[in-house]
Every structure is written in structure tokens, then in C-alpha cells.
Amino acid sequence: MFLTMLLWLVVGPAGVFAADATVLRATGVIEHYDATTHMLSLATATEITQFAIGPSVRIRQGRRSVEVSQLVELIGYRASVRYVDEGGARTVESVHVSGSKPKTGRNSK
């Protein structure tokens, strides 16, 4: 009985929680954040991708935590977004923003 329970705890949850969701990562520049719809737009090397921001998202800039409402202030910053892709719907799990805004223009210092 104990062995059966142990085996279920090790193998069973994988089958129970297996779904079509895939955890992925995208890196780019924060293009836009809409606080009304909770949608984040990230400009990657190939396209602008939109992500839904869930209520339990973790956002960090360097070592400090950032509130979701502050994403508007981080437009133009480089970010790495960890998200779940479930049937084409991309929901953010975490966002890690680089420490400073990238320089733009040829003579920027």
C-alpha cells in the first residue's frame, strides 16, 4: 500500500497536471503596457508579441520587486518574459527587467 501511494505521488501528478500549456521565455524591449486590459507588448528581434498579465505575476528590475502598475514607466527597457502558452494564449508568469533604459541614437551617452 505504501509503495503504491509513493509511486502515485511520484508518477501520478505528472499525468494529472499534464496539459497543453508550455512554459517559454521571450526577450526584447517593453513596447507598451495597457493597464486597463493588462496586456504587455514586447518587441522581440522578429515581432511585437502581446502577453496577458495575470494577477500573480512576479516582476523584478534587477534585485527589486516592481508593481504591475509600474510597467508603464518601464517602456523602452529590455526585459525577459517567462510565460505559459496554452492554445495560443500567452500568460505571463514573471518579468525580469534590465537595470537601466537602453541608450538610443548614435551620440547617446
PDB file of N, CA and C in Angstrom:
ATOM      1  N   MET A   1       0.827  -1.186   0.000  1.00  0.00           N
ATOM      2  CA  MET A   1       0.000   0.000   0.000  1.00  0.00           C
ATOM      3  C   MET A   1       0.881   1.262   0.000  1.00  0.00           C
ATOM      4  N   PHE A   2       1.898   1.263   0.863  1.00  0.00           N
ATOM      5  CA  PHE A   2       2.796   2.419   0.952  1.00  0.00           C
ATOM      6  C   PHE A   2       3.518   2.636  -0.374  1.00  0.00           C
ATOM      7  N   LEU A   3       3.986   1.556  -0.977  1.00  0.00           N
ATOM      8  CA  LEU A   3       4.704   1.650  -2.245  1.00  0.00           C
ATOM      9  C   LEU A   3       3.787   2.193  -3.348  1.00  0.00           C
ATOM     10  N   THR A   4       2.532   1.763  -3.348  1.00  0.00           N
ATOM     11  CA  THR A   4       1.572   2.252  -4.332  1.00  0.00           C
ATOM     12  C   THR A   4       1.336   3.752  -4.164  1.00  0.00           C
ATOM     13  N   MET A   5       1.188   4.186  -2.918  1.00  0.00           N
ATOM     14  CA  MET A   5       0.982   5.616  -2.635  1.00  0.00           C
ATOM     15  C   MET A   5       2.203   6.417  -3.058  1.00  0.00           C
ATOM     16  N   LEU A   6       3.390   5.938  -2.750  1.00  0.00           N
ATOM     17  CA  LEU A   6       4.624   6.623  -3.118  1.00  0.00           C
ATOM     18  C   LEU A   6       4.754   6.714  -4.636  1.00  0.00           C
ATOM     19  N   LEU A   7       4.453   5.619  -5.323  1.00  0.00           N
ATOM     20  CA  LEU A   7       4.527   5.606  -6.776  1.00  0.00           C
ATOM     21  C   LEU A   7       3.547   6.611  -7.374  1.00  0.00           C
ATOM     22  N   TRP A   8       2.323   6.700  -6.825  1.00  0.00           N
ATOM     23  CA  TRP A   8       1.353   7.658  -7.330  1.00  0.00           C
ATOM     24  C   TRP A   8       1.838   9.094  -7.121  1.00  0.00           C
ATOM     25  N   LEU A   9       2.455   9.373  -5.962  1.00  0.00           N
ATOM     26  CA  LEU A   9       2.950  10.718  -5.686  1.00  0.00           C
ATOM     27  C   LEU A   9       4.055  11.129  -6.653  1.00  0.00           C
ATOM     28  N   VAL A  10       4.841  10.151  -7.082  1.00  0.00           N
ATOM     29  CA  VAL A  10       5.945  10.456  -7.998  1.00  0.00           C
ATOM     30  C   VAL A  10       5.463  10.528  -9.439  1.00  0.00           C
ATOM     31  N   VAL A  11       4.658   9.593  -9.863  1.00  0.00           N
ATOM     32  CA  VAL A  11       4.246   9.495 -11.258  1.00  0.00           C
ATOM     33  C   VAL A  11       2.885  10.120 -11.509  1.00  0.00           C
ATOM     34  N   GLY A  12       1.961   9.978 -10.599  1.00  0.00           N
ATOM     35  CA  GLY A  12       0.588  10.426 -10.781  1.00  0.00           C
ATOM     36  C   GLY A  12       0.417  11.894 -11.089  1.00  0.00           C
ATOM     37  N   PRO A  13       1.006  12.801 -10.305  1.00  0.00           N
ATOM     38  CA  PRO A  13       0.795  14.227 -10.566  1.00  0.00           C
ATOM     39  C   PRO A  13       1.226  14.664 -11.953  1.00  0.00           C
ATOM     40  N   ALA A  14       2.234  14.020 -12.515  1.00  0.00           N
ATOM     41  CA  ALA A  14       2.660  14.399 -13.865  1.00  0.00           C
ATOM     42  C   ALA A  14       1.532  14.189 -14.853  1.00  0.00           C
ATOM     43  N   GLY A  15       0.813  13.085 -14.710  1.00  0.00           N
ATOM     44  CA  GLY A  15      -0.313  12.819 -15.588  1.00  0.00           C
ATOM     45  C   GLY A  15      -1.492  13.723 -15.294  1.00  0.00           C
ATOM     46  N   VAL A  16      -1.697  14.035 -14.023  1.00  0.00           N
ATOM     47  CA  VAL A  16      -2.817  14.888 -13.630  1.00  0.00           C
ATOM     48  C   VAL A  16      -2.608  16.312 -14.121  1.00  0.00           C
ATOM     49  N   PHE A  17      -1.384  16.827 -14.010  1.00  0.00           N
ATOM     50  CA  PHE A  17      -1.114  18.208 -14.357  1.00  0.00           C
ATOM     51  C   PHE A  17      -0.633  18.383 -15.793  1.00  0.00           C
ATOM     52  N   ALA A  18      -0.440  17.296 -16.514  1.00  0.00           N
ATOM     53  CA  ALA A  18      -0.010  17.425 -17.902  1.00  0.00           C
ATOM     54  C   ALA A  18      -1.134  18.063 -18.703  1.00  0.00           C
ATOM     55  N   ALA A  19      -0.811  19.116 -19.408  1.00  0.00           N
ATOM     56  CA  ALA A  19      -1.803  19.817 -20.215  1.00  0.00           C
ATOM     57  C   ALA A  19      -1.120  20.313 -21.472  1.00  0.00           C
ATOM     58  N   ASP A  20      -1.838  21.100 -22.234  1.00  0.00           N
ATOM     59  CA  ASP A  20      -1.291  21.634 -23.465  1.00  0.00           C
ATOM     60  C   ASP A  20      -0.416  22.861 -23.218  1.00  0.00           C
ATOM     61  N   ALA A  21      -0.290  23.290 -21.969  1.00  0.00           N
ATOM     62  CA  ALA A  21       0.478  24.501 -21.647  1.00  0.00           C
ATOM     63  C   ALA A  21       1.968  24.226 -21.755  1.00  0.00           C
ATOM     64  N   THR A  22       2.693  25.188 -22.296  1.00  0.00           N
ATOM     65  CA  THR A  22       4.134  25.110 -22.422  1.00  0.00           C
ATOM     66  C   THR A  22       4.727  26.385 -21.847  1.00  0.00           C
ATOM     67  N   VAL A  23       5.735  26.251 -20.989  1.00  0.00           N
ATOM     68  CA  VAL A  23       6.396  27.420 -20.421  1.00  0.00           C
ATOM     69  C   VAL A  23       7.531  27.825 -21.353  1.00  0.00           C
ATOM     70  N   LEU A  24       7.516  29.096 -21.758  1.00  0.00           N
ATOM     71  CA  LEU A  24       8.504  29.622 -22.696  1.00  0.00           C
ATOM     72  C   LEU A  24       9.078  30.932 -22.178  1.00  0.00           C
ATOM     73  N   ARG A  25      10.088  31.435 -22.868  1.00  0.00           N
ATOM     74  CA  ARG A  25      10.713  32.706 -22.499  1.00  0.00           C
ATOM     75  C   ARG A  25      10.895  33.546 -23.753  1.00  0.00           C
ATOM     76  N   ALA A  26      10.619  34.837 -23.628  1.00  0.00           N
ATOM     77  CA  ALA A  26      10.835  35.784 -24.718  1.00  0.00           C
ATOM     78  C   ALA A  26      11.655  36.951 -24.166  1.00  0.00           C
ATOM     79  N   THR A  27      12.569  37.443 -24.975  1.00  0.00           N
ATOM     80  CA  THR A  27      13.409  38.563 -24.573  1.00  0.00           C
ATOM     81  C   THR A  27      13.270  39.674 -25.609  1.00  0.00           C
ATOM     82  N   GLY A  28      13.158  40.893 -25.133  1.00  0.00           N
ATOM     83  CA  GLY A  28      13.032  42.024 -26.041  1.00  0.00           C
ATOM     84  C   GLY A  28      12.929  43.322 -25.269  1.00  0.00           C
ATOM     85  N   VAL A  29      12.279  44.298 -25.867  1.00  0.00           N
ATOM     86  CA  VAL A  29      12.110  45.624 -25.271  1.00  0.00           C
ATOM     87  C   VAL A  29      10.621  45.832 -24.998  1.00  0.00           C
ATOM     88  N   ILE A  30      10.312  46.345 -23.807  1.00  0.00           N
ATOM     89  CA  ILE A  30       8.916  46.625 -23.468  1.00  0.00           C
ATOM     90  C   ILE A  30       8.424  47.747 -24.377  1.00  0.00           C
ATOM     91  N   GLU A  31       7.453  47.426 -25.199  1.00  0.00           N
ATOM     92  CA  GLU A  31       6.914  48.356 -26.190  1.00  0.00           C
ATOM     93  C   GLU A  31       5.725  49.136 -25.636  1.00  0.00           C
ATOM     94  N   HIS A  32       4.853  48.427 -24.882  1.00  0.00           N
ATOM     95  CA  HIS A  32       3.617  49.053 -24.392  1.00  0.00           C
ATOM     96  C   HIS A  32       3.037  48.209 -23.266  1.00  0.00           C
ATOM     97  N   TYR A  33       2.380  48.873 -22.324  1.00  0.00           N
ATOM     98  CA  TYR A  33       1.600  48.161 -21.310  1.00  0.00           C
ATOM     99  C   TYR A  33       0.271  48.870 -21.151  1.00  0.00           C
ATOM    100  N   ASP A  34      -0.815  48.122 -21.318  1.00  0.00           N
ATOM    101  CA  ASP A  34      -2.157  48.661 -21.165  1.00  0.00           C
ATOM    102  C   ASP A  34      -2.696  48.219 -19.815  1.00  0.00           C
ATOM    103  N   ALA A  35      -2.792  49.154 -18.871  1.00  0.00           N
ATOM    104  CA  ALA A  35      -3.234  48.838 -17.517  1.00  0.00           C
ATOM    105  C   ALA A  35      -4.709  48.434 -17.465  1.00  0.00           C
ATOM    106  N   THR A  36      -5.492  48.876 -18.436  1.00  0.00           N
ATOM    107  CA  THR A  36      -6.912  48.544 -18.459  1.00  0.00           C
ATOM    108  C   THR A  36      -7.134  47.079 -18.833  1.00  0.00           C
ATOM    109  N   THR A  37      -6.455  46.634 -19.871  1.00  0.00           N
ATOM    110  CA  THR A  37      -6.628  45.255 -20.346  1.00  0.00           C
ATOM    111  C   THR A  37      -5.578  44.307 -19.782  1.00  0.00           C
ATOM    112  N   HIS A  38      -4.584  44.857 -19.086  1.00  0.00           N
ATOM    113  CA  HIS A  38      -3.475  44.073 -18.520  1.00  0.00           C
ATOM    114  C   HIS A  38      -2.710  43.320 -19.609  1.00  0.00           C
ATOM    115  N   MET A  39      -2.452  44.005 -20.723  1.00  0.00           N
ATOM    116  CA  MET A  39      -1.718  43.414 -21.833  1.00  0.00           C
ATOM    117  C   MET A  39      -0.360  44.095 -21.966  1.00  0.00           C
ATOM    118  N   LEU A  40       0.681  43.264 -22.091  1.00  0.00           N
ATOM    119  CA  LEU A  40       2.054  43.735 -22.254  1.00  0.00           C
ATOM    120  C   LEU A  40       2.501  43.441 -23.674  1.00  0.00           C
ATOM    121  N   SER A  41       3.079  44.435 -24.340  1.00  0.00           N
ATOM    122  CA  SER A  41       3.632  44.242 -25.677  1.00  0.00           C
ATOM    123  C   SER A  41       5.145  44.269 -25.569  1.00  0.00           C
ATOM    124  N   LEU A  42       5.782  43.220 -26.100  1.00  0.00           N
ATOM    125  CA  LEU A  42       7.237  43.084 -26.055  1.00  0.00           C
ATOM    126  C   LEU A  42       7.758  43.024 -27.484  1.00  0.00           C
ATOM    127  N   ALA A  43       8.672  43.932 -27.828  1.00  0.00           N
ATOM    128  CA  ALA A  43       9.278  43.939 -29.160  1.00  0.00           C
ATOM    129  C   ALA A  43      10.485  43.013 -29.130  1.00  0.00           C
ATOM    130  N   THR A  44      10.355  41.856 -29.781  1.00  0.00           N
ATOM    131  CA  THR A  44      11.468  40.903 -29.871  1.00  0.00           C
ATOM    132  C   THR A  44      12.244  41.199 -31.149  1.00  0.00           C
ATOM    133  N   ALA A  45      13.227  40.382 -31.455  1.00  0.00           N
ATOM    134  CA  ALA A  45      14.032  40.589 -32.655  1.00  0.00           C
ATOM    135  C   ALA A  45      13.215  40.418 -33.932  1.00  0.00           C
ATOM    136  N   THR A  46      12.122  39.662 -33.862  1.00  0.00           N
ATOM    137  CA  THR A  46      11.362  39.364 -35.069  1.00  0.00           C
ATOM    138  C   THR A  46       9.970  39.976 -35.131  1.00  0.00           C
ATOM    139  N   GLU A  47       9.360  40.283 -33.963  1.00  0.00           N
ATOM    140  CA  GLU A  47       7.990  40.772 -33.965  1.00  0.00           C
ATOM    141  C   GLU A  47       7.638  41.440 -32.646  1.00  0.00           C
ATOM    142  N   ILE A  48       6.462  42.046 -32.598  1.00  0.00           N
ATOM    143  CA  ILE A  48       5.921  42.557 -31.346  1.00  0.00           C
ATOM    144  C   ILE A  48       4.895  41.536 -30.868  1.00  0.00           C
ATOM    145  N   THR A  49       5.129  41.000 -29.675  1.00  0.00           N
ATOM    146  CA  THR A  49       4.290  39.946 -29.126  1.00  0.00           C
ATOM    147  C   THR A  49       3.510  40.493 -27.943  1.00  0.00           C
ATOM    148  N   GLN A  50       2.236  40.092 -27.839  1.00  0.00           N
ATOM    149  CA  GLN A  50       1.406  40.535 -26.731  1.00  0.00           C
ATOM    150  C   GLN A  50       1.209  39.407 -25.732  1.00  0.00           C
ATOM    151  N   PHE A  51       1.225  39.792 -24.455  1.00  0.00           N
ATOM    152  CA  PHE A  51       1.077  38.843 -23.358  1.00  0.00           C
ATOM    153  C   PHE A  51       0.036  39.371 -22.378  1.00  0.00           C
ATOM    154  N   ALA A  52      -0.737  38.452 -21.812  1.00  0.00           N
ATOM    155  CA  ALA A  52      -1.679  38.806 -20.749  1.00  0.00           C
ATOM    156  C   ALA A  52      -0.936  38.765 -19.418  1.00  0.00           C
ATOM    157  N   ILE A  53      -1.132  39.789 -18.607  1.00  0.00           N
ATOM    158  CA  ILE A  53      -0.515  39.845 -17.287  1.00  0.00           C
ATOM    159  C   ILE A  53      -1.533  39.338 -16.270  1.00  0.00           C
ATOM    160  N   GLY A  54      -1.206  38.238 -15.604  1.00  0.00           N
ATOM    161  CA  GLY A  54      -2.102  37.665 -14.606  1.00  0.00           C
ATOM    162  C   GLY A  54      -1.952  38.338 -13.252  1.00  0.00           C
ATOM    163  N   PRO A  55      -2.845  38.036 -12.326  1.00  0.00           N
ATOM    164  CA  PRO A  55      -2.814  38.681 -11.010  1.00  0.00           C
ATOM    165  C   PRO A  55      -1.639  38.254 -10.139  1.00  0.00           C
ATOM    166  N   SER A  56      -1.036  37.116 -10.421  1.00  0.00           N
ATOM    167  CA  SER A  56       0.062  36.631  -9.575  1.00  0.00           C
ATOM    168  C   SER A  56       1.423  36.766 -10.241  1.00  0.00           C
ATOM    169  N   VAL A  57       1.536  37.646 -11.233  1.00  0.00           N
ATOM    170  CA  VAL A  57       2.802  37.815 -11.943  1.00  0.00           C
ATOM    171  C   VAL A  57       3.874  38.390 -11.017  1.00  0.00           C
ATOM    172  N   ARG A  58       5.105  37.930 -11.199  1.00  0.00           N
ATOM    173  CA  ARG A  58       6.246  38.459 -10.451  1.00  0.00           C
ATOM    174  C   ARG A  58       7.069  39.325 -11.399  1.00  0.00           C
ATOM    175  N   ILE A  59       7.322  40.568 -10.988  1.00  0.00           N
ATOM    176  CA  ILE A  59       8.095  41.496 -11.812  1.00  0.00           C
ATOM    177  C   ILE A  59       9.273  41.982 -10.988  1.00  0.00           C
ATOM    178  N   ARG A  60      10.458  41.911 -11.597  1.00  0.00           N
ATOM    179  CA  ARG A  60      11.677  42.363 -10.925  1.00  0.00           C
ATOM    180  C   ARG A  60      12.474  43.251 -11.867  1.00  0.00           C
ATOM    181  N   GLN A  61      13.074  44.277 -11.293  1.00  0.00           N
ATOM    182  CA  GLN A  61      14.028  45.110 -12.020  1.00  0.00           C
ATOM    183  C   GLN A  61      15.318  45.024 -11.238  1.00  0.00           C
ATOM    184  N   GLY A  62      16.259  44.277 -11.793  1.00  0.00           N
ATOM    185  CA  GLY A  62      17.464  43.982 -11.029  1.00  0.00           C
ATOM    186  C   GLY A  62      17.075  43.127  -9.835  1.00  0.00           C
ATOM    187  N   ARG A  63      17.386  43.588  -8.639  1.00  0.00           N
ATOM    188  CA  ARG A  63      17.069  42.836  -7.425  1.00  0.00           C
ATOM    189  C   ARG A  63      15.772  43.261  -6.757  1.00  0.00           C
ATOM    190  N   ARG A  64      15.183  44.348  -7.220  1.00  0.00           N
ATOM    191  CA  ARG A  64      13.990  44.843  -6.514  1.00  0.00           C
ATOM    192  C   ARG A  64      12.703  44.424  -7.218  1.00  0.00           C
ATOM    193  N   SER A  65      11.678  44.212  -6.414  1.00  0.00           N
ATOM    194  CA  SER A  65      10.354  43.880  -6.932  1.00  0.00           C
ATOM    195  C   SER A  65       9.687  45.136  -7.472  1.00  0.00           C
ATOM    196  N   VAL A  66       8.892  44.953  -8.505  1.00  0.00           N
ATOM    197  CA  VAL A  66       8.200  46.063  -9.147  1.00  0.00           C
ATOM    198  C   VAL A  66       6.712  45.717  -9.191  1.00  0.00           C
ATOM    199  N   GLU A  67       5.873  46.703  -8.935  1.00  0.00           N
ATOM    200  CA  GLU A  67       4.425  46.521  -9.022  1.00  0.00           C
ATOM    201  C   GLU A  67       3.998  46.522 -10.494  1.00  0.00           C
ATOM    202  N   VAL A  68       2.922  45.828 -10.797  1.00  0.00           N
ATOM    203  CA  VAL A  68       2.410  45.756 -12.168  1.00  0.00           C
ATOM    204  C   VAL A  68       2.126  47.151 -12.709  1.00  0.00           C
ATOM    205  N   SER A  69       1.605  48.021 -11.879  1.00  0.00           N
ATOM    206  CA  SER A  69       1.270  49.380 -12.319  1.00  0.00           C
ATOM    207  C   SER A  69       2.494  50.152 -12.807  1.00  0.00           C
ATOM    208  N   GLN A  70       3.693  49.752 -12.402  1.00  0.00           N
ATOM    209  CA  GLN A  70       4.914  50.447 -12.802  1.00  0.00           C
ATOM    210  C   GLN A  70       5.426  50.025 -14.176  1.00  0.00           C
ATOM    211  N   LEU A  71       4.788  49.035 -14.810  1.00  0.00           N
ATOM    212  CA  LEU A  71       5.222  48.615 -16.144  1.00  0.00           C
ATOM    213  C   LEU A  71       5.151  49.759 -17.150  1.00  0.00           C
ATOM    214  N   VAL A  72       4.215  50.669 -16.966  1.00  0.00           N
ATOM    215  CA  VAL A  72       4.093  51.827 -17.859  1.00  0.00           C
ATOM    216  C   VAL A  72       5.375  52.653 -17.833  1.00  0.00           C
ATOM    217  N   GLU A  73       6.004  52.754 -16.670  1.00  0.00           N
ATOM    218  CA  GLU A  73       7.235  53.534 -16.518  1.00  0.00           C
ATOM    219  C   GLU A  73       8.444  52.807 -17.092  1.00  0.00           C
ATOM    220  N   LEU A  74       8.313  51.525 -17.418  1.00  0.00           N
ATOM    221  CA  LEU A  74       9.435  50.727 -17.891  1.00  0.00           C
ATOM    222  C   LEU A  74       9.423  50.516 -19.405  1.00  0.00           C
ATOM    223  N   ILE A  75       8.578  51.259 -20.112  1.00  0.00           N
ATOM    224  CA  ILE A  75       8.557  51.178 -21.575  1.00  0.00           C
ATOM    225  C   ILE A  75       9.919  51.615 -22.094  1.00  0.00           C
ATOM    226  N   GLY A  76      10.486  50.816 -22.999  1.00  0.00           N
ATOM    227  CA  GLY A  76      11.810  51.096 -23.554  1.00  0.00           C
ATOM    228  C   GLY A  76      12.916  50.297 -22.889  1.00  0.00           C
ATOM    229  N   TYR A  77      12.613  49.638 -21.783  1.00  0.00           N
ATOM    230  CA  TYR A  77      13.609  48.816 -21.089  1.00  0.00           C
ATOM    231  C   TYR A  77      13.638  47.410 -21.680  1.00  0.00           C
ATOM    232  N   ARG A  78      14.808  46.782 -21.647  1.00  0.00           N
ATOM    233  CA  ARG A  78      14.924  45.384 -22.058  1.00  0.00           C
ATOM    234  C   ARG A  78      14.317  44.513 -20.972  1.00  0.00           C
ATOM    235  N   ALA A  79      13.657  43.435 -21.394  1.00  0.00           N
ATOM    236  CA  ALA A  79      13.013  42.549 -20.435  1.00  0.00           C
ATOM    237  C   ALA A  79      13.021  41.119 -20.943  1.00  0.00           C
ATOM    238  N   SER A  80      13.007  40.207 -19.991  1.00  0.00           N
ATOM    239  CA  SER A  80      12.860  38.786 -20.272  1.00  0.00           C
ATOM    240  C   SER A  80      11.538  38.358 -19.646  1.00  0.00           C
ATOM    241  N   VAL A  81      10.663  37.774 -20.456  1.00  0.00           N
ATOM    242  CA  VAL A  81       9.326  37.399 -20.016  1.00  0.00           C
ATOM    243  C   VAL A  81       9.209  35.880 -20.017  1.00  0.00           C
ATOM    244  N   ARG A  82       8.844  35.323 -18.888  1.00  0.00           N
ATOM    245  CA  ARG A  82       8.572  33.887 -18.784  1.00  0.00           C
ATOM    246  C   ARG A  82       7.058  33.745 -18.817  1.00  0.00           C
ATOM    247  N   TYR A  83       6.561  32.941 -19.764  1.00  0.00           N
ATOM    248  CA  TYR A  83       5.122  32.868 -19.946  1.00  0.00           C
ATOM    249  C   TYR A  83       4.662  31.450 -20.273  1.00  0.00           C
ATOM    250  N   VAL A  84       3.373  31.241 -20.115  1.00  0.00           N
ATOM    251  CA  VAL A  84       2.743  29.971 -20.446  1.00  0.00           C
ATOM    252  C   VAL A  84       1.962  30.181 -21.732  1.00  0.00           C
ATOM    253  N   ASP A  85       2.202  29.311 -22.701  1.00  0.00           N
ATOM    254  CA  ASP A  85       1.463  29.358 -23.957  1.00  0.00           C
ATOM    255  C   ASP A  85       0.488  28.196 -23.955  1.00  0.00           C
ATOM    256  N   GLU A  86      -0.778  28.524 -23.810  1.00  0.00           N
ATOM    257  CA  GLU A  86      -1.811  27.498 -23.751  1.00  0.00           C
ATOM    258  C   GLU A  86      -2.830  27.768 -24.847  1.00  0.00           C
ATOM    259  N   GLY A  87      -2.712  27.006 -25.911  1.00  0.00           N
ATOM    260  CA  GLY A  87      -3.642  27.172 -27.024  1.00  0.00           C
ATOM    261  C   GLY A  87      -3.555  28.533 -27.689  1.00  0.00           C
ATOM    262  N   GLY A  88      -2.376  29.121 -27.735  1.00  0.00           N
ATOM    263  CA  GLY A  88      -2.190  30.425 -28.363  1.00  0.00           C
ATOM    264  C   GLY A  88      -2.337  31.604 -27.419  1.00  0.00           C
ATOM    265  N   ALA A  89      -2.878  31.378 -26.228  1.00  0.00           N
ATOM    266  CA  ALA A  89      -2.995  32.444 -25.231  1.00  0.00           C
ATOM    267  C   ALA A  89      -1.710  32.484 -24.410  1.00  0.00           C
ATOM    268  N   ARG A  90      -1.041  33.624 -24.411  1.00  0.00           N
ATOM    269  CA  ARG A  90       0.230  33.778 -23.691  1.00  0.00           C
ATOM    270  C   ARG A  90      -0.007  34.523 -22.384  1.00  0.00           C
ATOM    271  N   THR A  91       0.205  33.836 -21.266  1.00  0.00           N
ATOM    272  CA  THR A  91       0.006  34.439 -19.948  1.00  0.00           C
ATOM    273  C   THR A  91       1.336  34.513 -19.224  1.00  0.00           C
ATOM    274  N   VAL A  92       1.703  35.703 -18.777  1.00  0.00           N
ATOM    275  CA  VAL A  92       2.997  35.938 -18.137  1.00  0.00           C
ATOM    276  C   VAL A  92       3.033  35.345 -16.734  1.00  0.00           C
ATOM    277  N   GLU A  93       4.133  34.649 -16.432  1.00  0.00           N
ATOM    278  CA  GLU A  93       4.394  34.175 -15.072  1.00  0.00           C
ATOM    279  C   GLU A  93       5.340  35.128 -14.361  1.00  0.00           C
ATOM    280  N   SER A  94       6.365  35.609 -15.090  1.00  0.00           N
ATOM    281  CA  SER A  94       7.312  36.540 -14.483  1.00  0.00           C
ATOM    282  C   SER A  94       7.949  37.424 -15.546  1.00  0.00           C
ATOM    283  N   VAL A  95       8.385  38.606 -15.102  1.00  0.00           N
ATOM    284  CA  VAL A  95       9.077  39.560 -15.967  1.00  0.00           C
ATOM    285  C   VAL A  95      10.335  39.991 -15.239  1.00  0.00           C
ATOM    286  N   HIS A  96      11.471  39.934 -15.932  1.00  0.00           N
ATOM    287  CA  HIS A  96      12.717  40.446 -15.361  1.00  0.00           C
ATOM    288  C   HIS A  96      13.192  41.573 -16.264  1.00  0.00           C
ATOM    289  N   VAL A  97      13.215  42.780 -15.717  1.00  0.00           N
ATOM    290  CA  VAL A  97      13.574  43.982 -16.465  1.00  0.00           C
ATOM    291  C   VAL A  97      15.026  44.325 -16.189  1.00  0.00           C
ATOM    292  N   SER A  98      15.753  44.732 -17.248  1.00  0.00           N
ATOM    293  CA  SER A  98      17.150  45.129 -17.060  1.00  0.00           C
ATOM    294  C   SER A  98      17.215  46.372 -16.190  1.00  0.00           C
ATOM    295  N   GLY A  99      18.370  46.623 -15.608  1.00  0.00           N
ATOM    296  CA  GLY A  99      18.526  47.700 -14.640  1.00  0.00           C
ATOM    297  C   GLY A  99      18.363  49.099 -15.168  1.00  0.00           C
ATOM    298  N   SER A 100      18.683  49.344 -16.441  1.00  0.00           N
ATOM    299  CA  SER A 100      18.608  50.706 -16.949  1.00  0.00           C
ATOM    300  C   SER A 100      18.012  50.724 -18.349  1.00  0.00           C
ATOM    301  N   LYS A 101      17.518  51.894 -18.716  1.00  0.00           N
ATOM    302  CA  LYS A 101      16.922  52.060 -20.041  1.00  0.00           C
ATOM    303  C   LYS A 101      18.041  52.057 -21.077  1.00  0.00           C
ATOM    304  N   PRO A 102      17.854  51.333 -22.187  1.00  0.00           N
ATOM    305  CA  PRO A 102      18.907  51.304 -23.206  1.00  0.00           C
ATOM    306  C   PRO A 102      19.092  52.667 -23.852  1.00  0.00           C
ATOM    307  N   LYS A 103      20.311  52.937 -24.265  1.00  0.00           N
ATOM    308  CA  LYS A 103      20.606  54.202 -24.929  1.00  0.00           C
ATOM    309  C   LYS A 103      20.116  54.128 -26.361  1.00  0.00           C
ATOM    310  N   THR A 104      19.606  55.247 -26.848  1.00  0.00           N
ATOM    311  CA  THR A 104      19.146  55.314 -28.226  1.00  0.00           C
ATOM    312  C   THR A 104      19.886  56.411 -28.954  1.00  0.00           C
ATOM    313  N   GLY A 105      20.015  56.273 -30.234  1.00  0.00           N
ATOM    314  CA  GLY A 105      20.678  57.286 -31.029  1.00  0.00           C
ATOM    315  C   GLY A 105      22.177  57.081 -31.090  1.00  0.00           C
ATOM    316  N   ARG A 106      22.798  57.680 -32.062  1.00  0.00           N
ATOM    317  CA  ARG A 106      24.222  57.490 -32.305  1.00  0.00           C
ATOM    318  C   ARG A 106      25.099  58.168 -31.264  1.00  0.00           C
ATOM    319  N   ASN A 107      24.673  59.326 -30.767  1.00  0.00           N
ATOM    320  CA  ASN A 107      25.507  60.085 -29.841  1.00  0.00           C
ATOM    321  C   ASN A 107      25.024  60.003 -28.408  1.00  0.00           C
ATOM    322  N   SER A 108      24.207  59.016 -28.078  1.00  0.00           N
ATOM    323  CA  SER A 108      23.694  58.889 -26.707  1.00  0.00           C
ATOM    324  C   SER A 108      24.797  58.462 -25.762  1.00  0.00           C
ATOM    325  N   LYS A 109      24.769  59.047 -24.568  1.00  0.00           N
ATOM    326  CA  LYS A 109      25.774  58.673 -23.555  1.00  0.00           C
ATOM    327  C   LYS A 109      25.108  58.320 -22.270  1.00  0.00           C
TER     328      LYS A 109
END
